[in-house]
Amino acid sequence: MSEAQVRPLSLRVPCACGASVALEVDPAVGTPASARCAACGEERALTPGRLDADGGLWACQACGHPELFTKKDLPQAVGIAVVVVAAVLAPFTHYLSLAVAALIDLGLYFVMSEVVMCYVCGAEHRRGAARPRHPRYDREIAERLAYGKRAVMGKPMRAGGTADAPEPEH
């Protein structure tokens, strides 16, 4: 990818006040050491992970952890609203509204972009390079990170994190 085609990475980090710290990360410059929350004014320290010159995300740009996952960038409230409206209308539409809701859901799946999330700090990374590709959410990784050696299930963590890892087998 040429220098002109590299897009800045959009980073959104959760803040203790409930708001989010949002910033743009230029791969050529790198992630700043800290960012200020616009809502509460608190300075949030950042420990950036590896980001290559093409904008490839190899680790979280907020905490530096290599375990990341990919999900569709659709707010849960939108998905729930589609299902609730379809369920309320179901008796009046001979349950055809549920089929319409499924078609709307399928359409949203193909239209919505993806966001790469950090298992550890919950940071959202948008508009990164296509490579490396991170797999979808894996409960085994989440439990290992949350409970450590006390986790009762799962395989050991991957040494290099999730970059270009296969999809989970569930």
C-alpha atoms as a PDB file:
ATOM      1  CA  MET A   1       0.000   0.000   0.000  1.00  0.00           C
ATOM      2  CA  SER A   2       1.441   3.391  -0.904  1.00  0.00           C
ATOM      3  CA  GLU A   3       1.928   6.195   1.601  1.00  0.00           C
ATOM      4  CA  ALA A   4      -1.050   8.136   0.173  1.00  0.00           C
ATOM      5  CA  GLN A   5      -3.430   5.190   0.645  1.00  0.00           C
ATOM      6  CA  VAL A   6      -2.751   4.626   4.366  1.00  0.00           C
ATOM      7  CA  ARG A   7      -5.756   5.854   6.326  1.00  0.00           C
ATOM      8  CA  PRO A   8      -5.527   6.930   9.942  1.00  0.00           C
ATOM      9  CA  LEU A   9      -6.836   4.425  12.470  1.00  0.00           C
ATOM     10  CA  SER A  10      -9.808   5.609  14.514  1.00  0.00           C
ATOM     11  CA  LEU A  11      -9.391   4.679  18.189  1.00  0.00           C
ATOM     12  CA  ARG A  12     -12.096   4.891  20.865  1.00  0.00           C
ATOM     13  CA  VAL A  13     -11.063   4.032  24.433  1.00  0.00           C
ATOM     14  CA  PRO A  14     -13.587   3.678  27.285  1.00  0.00           C
ATOM     15  CA  CYS A  15     -13.130   6.188  30.120  1.00  0.00           C
ATOM     16  CA  ALA A  16     -13.938   5.643  33.812  1.00  0.00           C
ATOM     17  CA  CYS A  17     -16.705   8.289  33.596  1.00  0.00           C
ATOM     18  CA  GLY A  18     -18.633   6.188  31.064  1.00  0.00           C
ATOM     19  CA  ALA A  19     -17.752   8.319  28.045  1.00  0.00           C
ATOM     20  CA  SER A  20     -15.104   7.455  25.474  1.00  0.00           C
ATOM     21  CA  VAL A  21     -11.804   9.031  24.514  1.00  0.00           C
ATOM     22  CA  ALA A  22     -11.700   9.259  20.709  1.00  0.00           C
ATOM     23  CA  LEU A  23      -8.625   9.976  18.615  1.00  0.00           C
ATOM     24  CA  GLU A  24      -7.125   9.381  15.188  1.00  0.00           C
ATOM     25  CA  VAL A  25      -3.861   7.431  14.973  1.00  0.00           C
ATOM     26  CA  ASP A  26      -1.641   8.056  11.960  1.00  0.00           C
ATOM     27  CA  PRO A  27       0.482   4.912  11.368  1.00  0.00           C
ATOM     28  CA  ALA A  28       3.433   7.084  10.281  1.00  0.00           C
ATOM     29  CA  VAL A  29       3.361   9.069  13.547  1.00  0.00           C
ATOM     30  CA  GLY A  30       2.098   6.418  15.970  1.00  0.00           C
ATOM     31  CA  THR A  31      -0.161   6.542  19.002  1.00  0.00           C
ATOM     32  CA  PRO A  32       0.319   9.389  21.490  1.00  0.00           C
ATOM     33  CA  ALA A  33       1.352   8.571  25.074  1.00  0.00           C
ATOM     34  CA  SER A  34      -1.947   9.871  26.471  1.00  0.00           C
ATOM     35  CA  ALA A  35      -5.330  11.309  25.521  1.00  0.00           C
ATOM     36  CA  ARG A  36      -7.816  13.492  27.388  1.00  0.00           C
ATOM     37  CA  CYS A  37     -11.492  12.592  27.876  1.00  0.00           C
ATOM     38  CA  ALA A  38     -13.727  15.370  26.535  1.00  0.00           C
ATOM     39  CA  ALA A  39     -16.472  14.582  29.078  1.00  0.00           C
ATOM     40  CA  CYS A  40     -14.575  14.539  32.391  1.00  0.00           C
ATOM     41  CA  GLY A  41     -11.178  15.960  31.422  1.00  0.00           C
ATOM     42  CA  GLU A  42      -9.268  12.975  32.814  1.00  0.00           C
ATOM     43  CA  GLU A  43      -5.966  12.202  31.109  1.00  0.00           C
ATOM     44  CA  ARG A  44      -5.889   8.567  29.949  1.00  0.00           C
ATOM     45  CA  ALA A  45      -2.441   6.978  29.585  1.00  0.00           C
ATOM     46  CA  LEU A  46      -2.032   4.904  26.428  1.00  0.00           C
ATOM     47  CA  THR A  47       0.378   2.003  25.946  1.00  0.00           C
ATOM     48  CA  PRO A  48       0.319   1.498  22.193  1.00  0.00           C
ATOM     49  CA  GLY A  49       0.873  -1.896  20.649  1.00  0.00           C
ATOM     50  CA  ARG A  50       2.468  -2.665  17.320  1.00  0.00           C
ATOM     51  CA  LEU A  51       1.028  -0.830  14.317  1.00  0.00           C
ATOM     52  CA  ASP A  52       2.859  -1.326  11.025  1.00  0.00           C
ATOM     53  CA  ALA A  53       3.487   1.364   8.405  1.00  0.00           C
ATOM     54  CA  ASP A  54       0.524   0.153   6.287  1.00  0.00           C
ATOM     55  CA  GLY A  55      -1.865   0.579   9.234  1.00  0.00           C
ATOM     56  CA  GLY A  56      -1.903  -3.127  10.130  1.00  0.00           C
ATOM     57  CA  LEU A  57      -3.008  -3.592  13.719  1.00  0.00           C
ATOM     58  CA  TRP A  58      -0.912  -6.181  15.589  1.00  0.00           C
ATOM     59  CA  ALA A  59      -1.888  -5.167  19.142  1.00  0.00           C
ATOM     60  CA  CYS A  60      -4.240  -2.787  20.952  1.00  0.00           C
ATOM     61  CA  GLN A  61      -3.286   0.867  20.561  1.00  0.00           C
ATOM     62  CA  ALA A  62      -4.622   1.727  24.025  1.00  0.00           C
ATOM     63  CA  CYS A  63      -3.171  -1.011  26.274  1.00  0.00           C
ATOM     64  CA  GLY A  64      -0.716  -2.838  23.988  1.00  0.00           C
ATOM     65  CA  HIS A  65      -2.301  -6.289  24.456  1.00  0.00           C
ATOM     66  CA  PRO A  66      -2.125  -8.564  21.365  1.00  0.00           C
ATOM     67  CA  GLU A  67      -5.490 -10.311  21.928  1.00  0.00           C
ATOM     68  CA  LEU A  68      -8.088  -8.605  19.702  1.00  0.00           C
ATOM     69  CA  PHE A  69     -11.353  -9.696  18.088  1.00  0.00           C
ATOM     70  CA  THR A  70     -13.495  -8.516  15.179  1.00  0.00           C
ATOM     71  CA  LYS A  71     -17.220  -7.761  15.315  1.00  0.00           C
ATOM     72  CA  LYS A  72     -19.766  -5.932  13.198  1.00  0.00           C
ATOM     73  CA  ASP A  73     -20.059  -2.234  14.019  1.00  0.00           C
ATOM     74  CA  LEU A  74     -23.806  -2.259  14.684  1.00  0.00           C
ATOM     75  CA  PRO A  75     -25.109  -0.792  17.946  1.00  0.00           C
ATOM     76  CA  GLN A  76     -26.927  -3.455  19.950  1.00  0.00           C
ATOM     77  CA  ALA A  77     -29.868  -1.097  20.455  1.00  0.00           C
ATOM     78  CA  VAL A  78     -30.555  -1.094  16.699  1.00  0.00           C
ATOM     79  CA  GLY A  79     -30.585  -4.889  16.486  1.00  0.00           C
ATOM     80  CA  ILE A  80     -32.805  -5.200  19.536  1.00  0.00           C
ATOM     81  CA  ALA A  81     -35.190  -2.535  18.204  1.00  0.00           C
ATOM     82  CA  VAL A  82     -35.628  -4.444  14.922  1.00  0.00           C
ATOM     83  CA  VAL A  83     -36.474  -7.658  16.805  1.00  0.00           C
ATOM     84  CA  VAL A  84     -38.818  -5.956  19.298  1.00  0.00           C
ATOM     85  CA  VAL A  85     -40.761  -4.133  16.565  1.00  0.00           C
ATOM     86  CA  ALA A  86     -41.046  -7.372  14.566  1.00  0.00           C
ATOM     87  CA  ALA A  87     -42.214  -9.289  17.652  1.00  0.00           C
ATOM     88  CA  VAL A  88     -44.847  -6.671  18.520  1.00  0.00           C
ATOM     89  CA  LEU A  89     -46.146  -6.657  14.960  1.00  0.00           C
ATOM     90  CA  ALA A  90     -46.002 -10.454  14.582  1.00  0.00           C
ATOM     91  CA  PRO A  91     -49.619 -11.286  15.564  1.00  0.00           C
ATOM     92  CA  PHE A  92     -50.959  -8.556  13.265  1.00  0.00           C
ATOM     93  CA  THR A  93     -48.841  -9.585  10.265  1.00  0.00           C
ATOM     94  CA  HIS A  94     -49.350 -13.346  10.569  1.00  0.00           C
ATOM     95  CA  TYR A  95     -45.708 -13.508  11.779  1.00  0.00           C
ATOM     96  CA  LEU A  96     -44.358 -12.217   8.463  1.00  0.00           C
ATOM     97  CA  SER A  97     -42.742  -9.324  10.352  1.00  0.00           C
ATOM     98  CA  LEU A  98     -40.300 -11.851  11.850  1.00  0.00           C
ATOM     99  CA  ALA A  99     -39.194 -12.891   8.369  1.00  0.00           C
ATOM    100  CA  VAL A 100     -38.818  -9.223   7.413  1.00  0.00           C
ATOM    101  CA  ALA A 101     -36.737  -8.663  10.561  1.00  0.00           C
ATOM    102  CA  ALA A 102     -34.494 -11.565   9.552  1.00  0.00           C
ATOM    103  CA  LEU A 103     -34.024 -10.025   6.090  1.00  0.00           C
ATOM    104  CA  ILE A 104     -33.249  -6.621   7.638  1.00  0.00           C
ATOM    105  CA  ASP A 105     -30.739  -8.303   9.944  1.00  0.00           C
ATOM    106  CA  LEU A 106     -29.108 -10.080   6.999  1.00  0.00           C
ATOM    107  CA  GLY A 107     -28.927  -6.820   5.044  1.00  0.00           C
ATOM    108  CA  LEU A 108     -27.360  -5.000   7.997  1.00  0.00           C
ATOM    109  CA  TYR A 109     -24.794  -7.785   8.360  1.00  0.00           C
ATOM    110  CA  PHE A 110     -23.523  -7.222   4.824  1.00  0.00           C
ATOM    111  CA  VAL A 111     -23.715  -3.407   4.956  1.00  0.00           C
ATOM    112  CA  MET A 112     -22.127  -2.714   8.348  1.00  0.00           C
ATOM    113  CA  SER A 113     -18.381  -2.289   8.635  1.00  0.00           C
ATOM    114  CA  GLU A 114     -16.255  -4.171  11.148  1.00  0.00           C
ATOM    115  CA  VAL A 115     -14.552  -2.926  14.281  1.00  0.00           C
ATOM    116  CA  VAL A 116     -11.583  -4.559  16.009  1.00  0.00           C
ATOM    117  CA  MET A 117     -12.026  -4.714  19.795  1.00  0.00           C
ATOM    118  CA  CYS A 118      -9.534  -5.356  22.581  1.00  0.00           C
ATOM    119  CA  TYR A 119     -10.410  -8.161  25.008  1.00  0.00           C
ATOM    120  CA  VAL A 120      -8.561  -6.435  27.875  1.00  0.00           C
ATOM    121  CA  CYS A 121      -9.507  -2.735  27.816  1.00  0.00           C
ATOM    122  CA  GLY A 122     -12.468  -2.681  25.396  1.00  0.00           C
ATOM    123  CA  ALA A 123     -10.862  -0.197  22.988  1.00  0.00           C
ATOM    124  CA  GLU A 124     -12.420   0.016  19.518  1.00  0.00           C
ATOM    125  CA  HIS A 125     -10.171   0.253  16.441  1.00  0.00           C
ATOM    126  CA  ARG A 126     -11.798   1.346  13.166  1.00  0.00           C
ATOM    127  CA  ARG A 127     -10.560   1.837   9.589  1.00  0.00           C
ATOM    128  CA  GLY A 128      -7.375  -0.206  10.020  1.00  0.00           C
ATOM    129  CA  ALA A 129      -5.676  -2.121   7.236  1.00  0.00           C
ATOM    130  CA  ALA A 130      -7.217  -5.401   6.079  1.00  0.00           C
ATOM    131  CA  ARG A 131      -4.138  -7.322   7.250  1.00  0.00           C
ATOM    132  CA  PRO A 132      -3.664  -8.776   9.733  1.00  0.00           C
ATOM    133  CA  ARG A 133      -7.168 -10.146  10.176  1.00  0.00           C
ATOM    134  CA  HIS A 134      -8.380 -10.813  13.731  1.00  0.00           C
ATOM    135  CA  PRO A 135     -10.924 -13.604  14.371  1.00  0.00           C
ATOM    136  CA  ARG A 136     -14.385 -13.068  15.854  1.00  0.00           C
ATOM    137  CA  TYR A 137     -14.981 -13.113  19.626  1.00  0.00           C
ATOM    138  CA  ASP A 138     -13.710 -16.235  21.385  1.00  0.00           C
ATOM    139  CA  ARG A 139     -15.090 -16.922  24.865  1.00  0.00           C
ATOM    140  CA  GLU A 140     -12.076 -19.105  25.716  1.00  0.00           C
ATOM    141  CA  ILE A 141      -9.703 -16.160  25.251  1.00  0.00           C
ATOM    142  CA  ALA A 142     -11.991 -13.841  27.212  1.00  0.00           C
ATOM    143  CA  GLU A 143     -12.151 -16.289  30.135  1.00  0.00           C
ATOM    144  CA  ARG A 144      -8.390 -16.854  30.128  1.00  0.00           C
ATOM    145  CA  LEU A 145      -7.810 -13.101  30.288  1.00  0.00           C
ATOM    146  CA  ALA A 146     -10.458 -12.557  32.969  1.00  0.00           C
ATOM    147  CA  TYR A 147      -9.642 -15.520  35.231  1.00  0.00           C
ATOM    148  CA  GLY A 148      -6.055 -16.477  34.341  1.00  0.00           C
ATOM    149  CA  LYS A 149      -5.057 -19.847  35.759  1.00  0.00           C
ATOM    150  CA  ARG A 150      -8.461 -20.131  37.458  1.00  0.00           C
ATOM    151  CA  ALA A 151     -10.183 -20.405  34.046  1.00  0.00           C
ATOM    152  CA  VAL A 152     -11.738 -23.859  33.901  1.00  0.00           C
ATOM    153  CA  MET A 153     -11.872 -24.168  30.142  1.00  0.00           C
ATOM    154  CA  GLY A 154      -9.933 -23.286  27.077  1.00  0.00           C
ATOM    155  CA  LYS A 155      -6.664 -23.764  25.340  1.00  0.00           C
ATOM    156  CA  PRO A 156      -3.498 -21.860  26.255  1.00  0.00           C
ATOM    157  CA  MET A 157      -3.138 -18.334  24.862  1.00  0.00           C
ATOM    158  CA  ARG A 158      -1.432 -17.888  21.494  1.00  0.00           C
ATOM    159  CA  ALA A 159       2.061 -16.479  21.826  1.00  0.00           C
ATOM    160  CA  GLY A 160       1.600 -13.852  19.079  1.00  0.00           C
ATOM    161  CA  GLY A 161      -1.951 -12.801  19.907  1.00  0.00           C
ATOM    162  CA  THR A 162      -4.861 -12.995  17.487  1.00  0.00           C
ATOM    163  CA  ALA A 163      -3.298 -11.448  14.388  1.00  0.00           C
ATOM    164  CA  ASP A 164      -4.078 -13.729  11.419  1.00  0.00           C
ATOM    165  CA  ALA A 165      -5.301 -16.472  13.790  1.00  0.00           C
ATOM    166  CA  PRO A 166      -8.007 -18.906  12.621  1.00  0.00           C
ATOM    167  CA  GLU A 167     -11.631 -18.409  13.589  1.00  0.00           C
ATOM    168  CA  PRO A 168     -12.659 -20.075  16.871  1.00  0.00           C
ATOM    169  CA  GLU A 169     -14.196 -23.553  16.666  1.00  0.00           C
ATOM    170  CA  HIS A 170     -17.631 -23.169  18.246  1.00  0.00           C
END
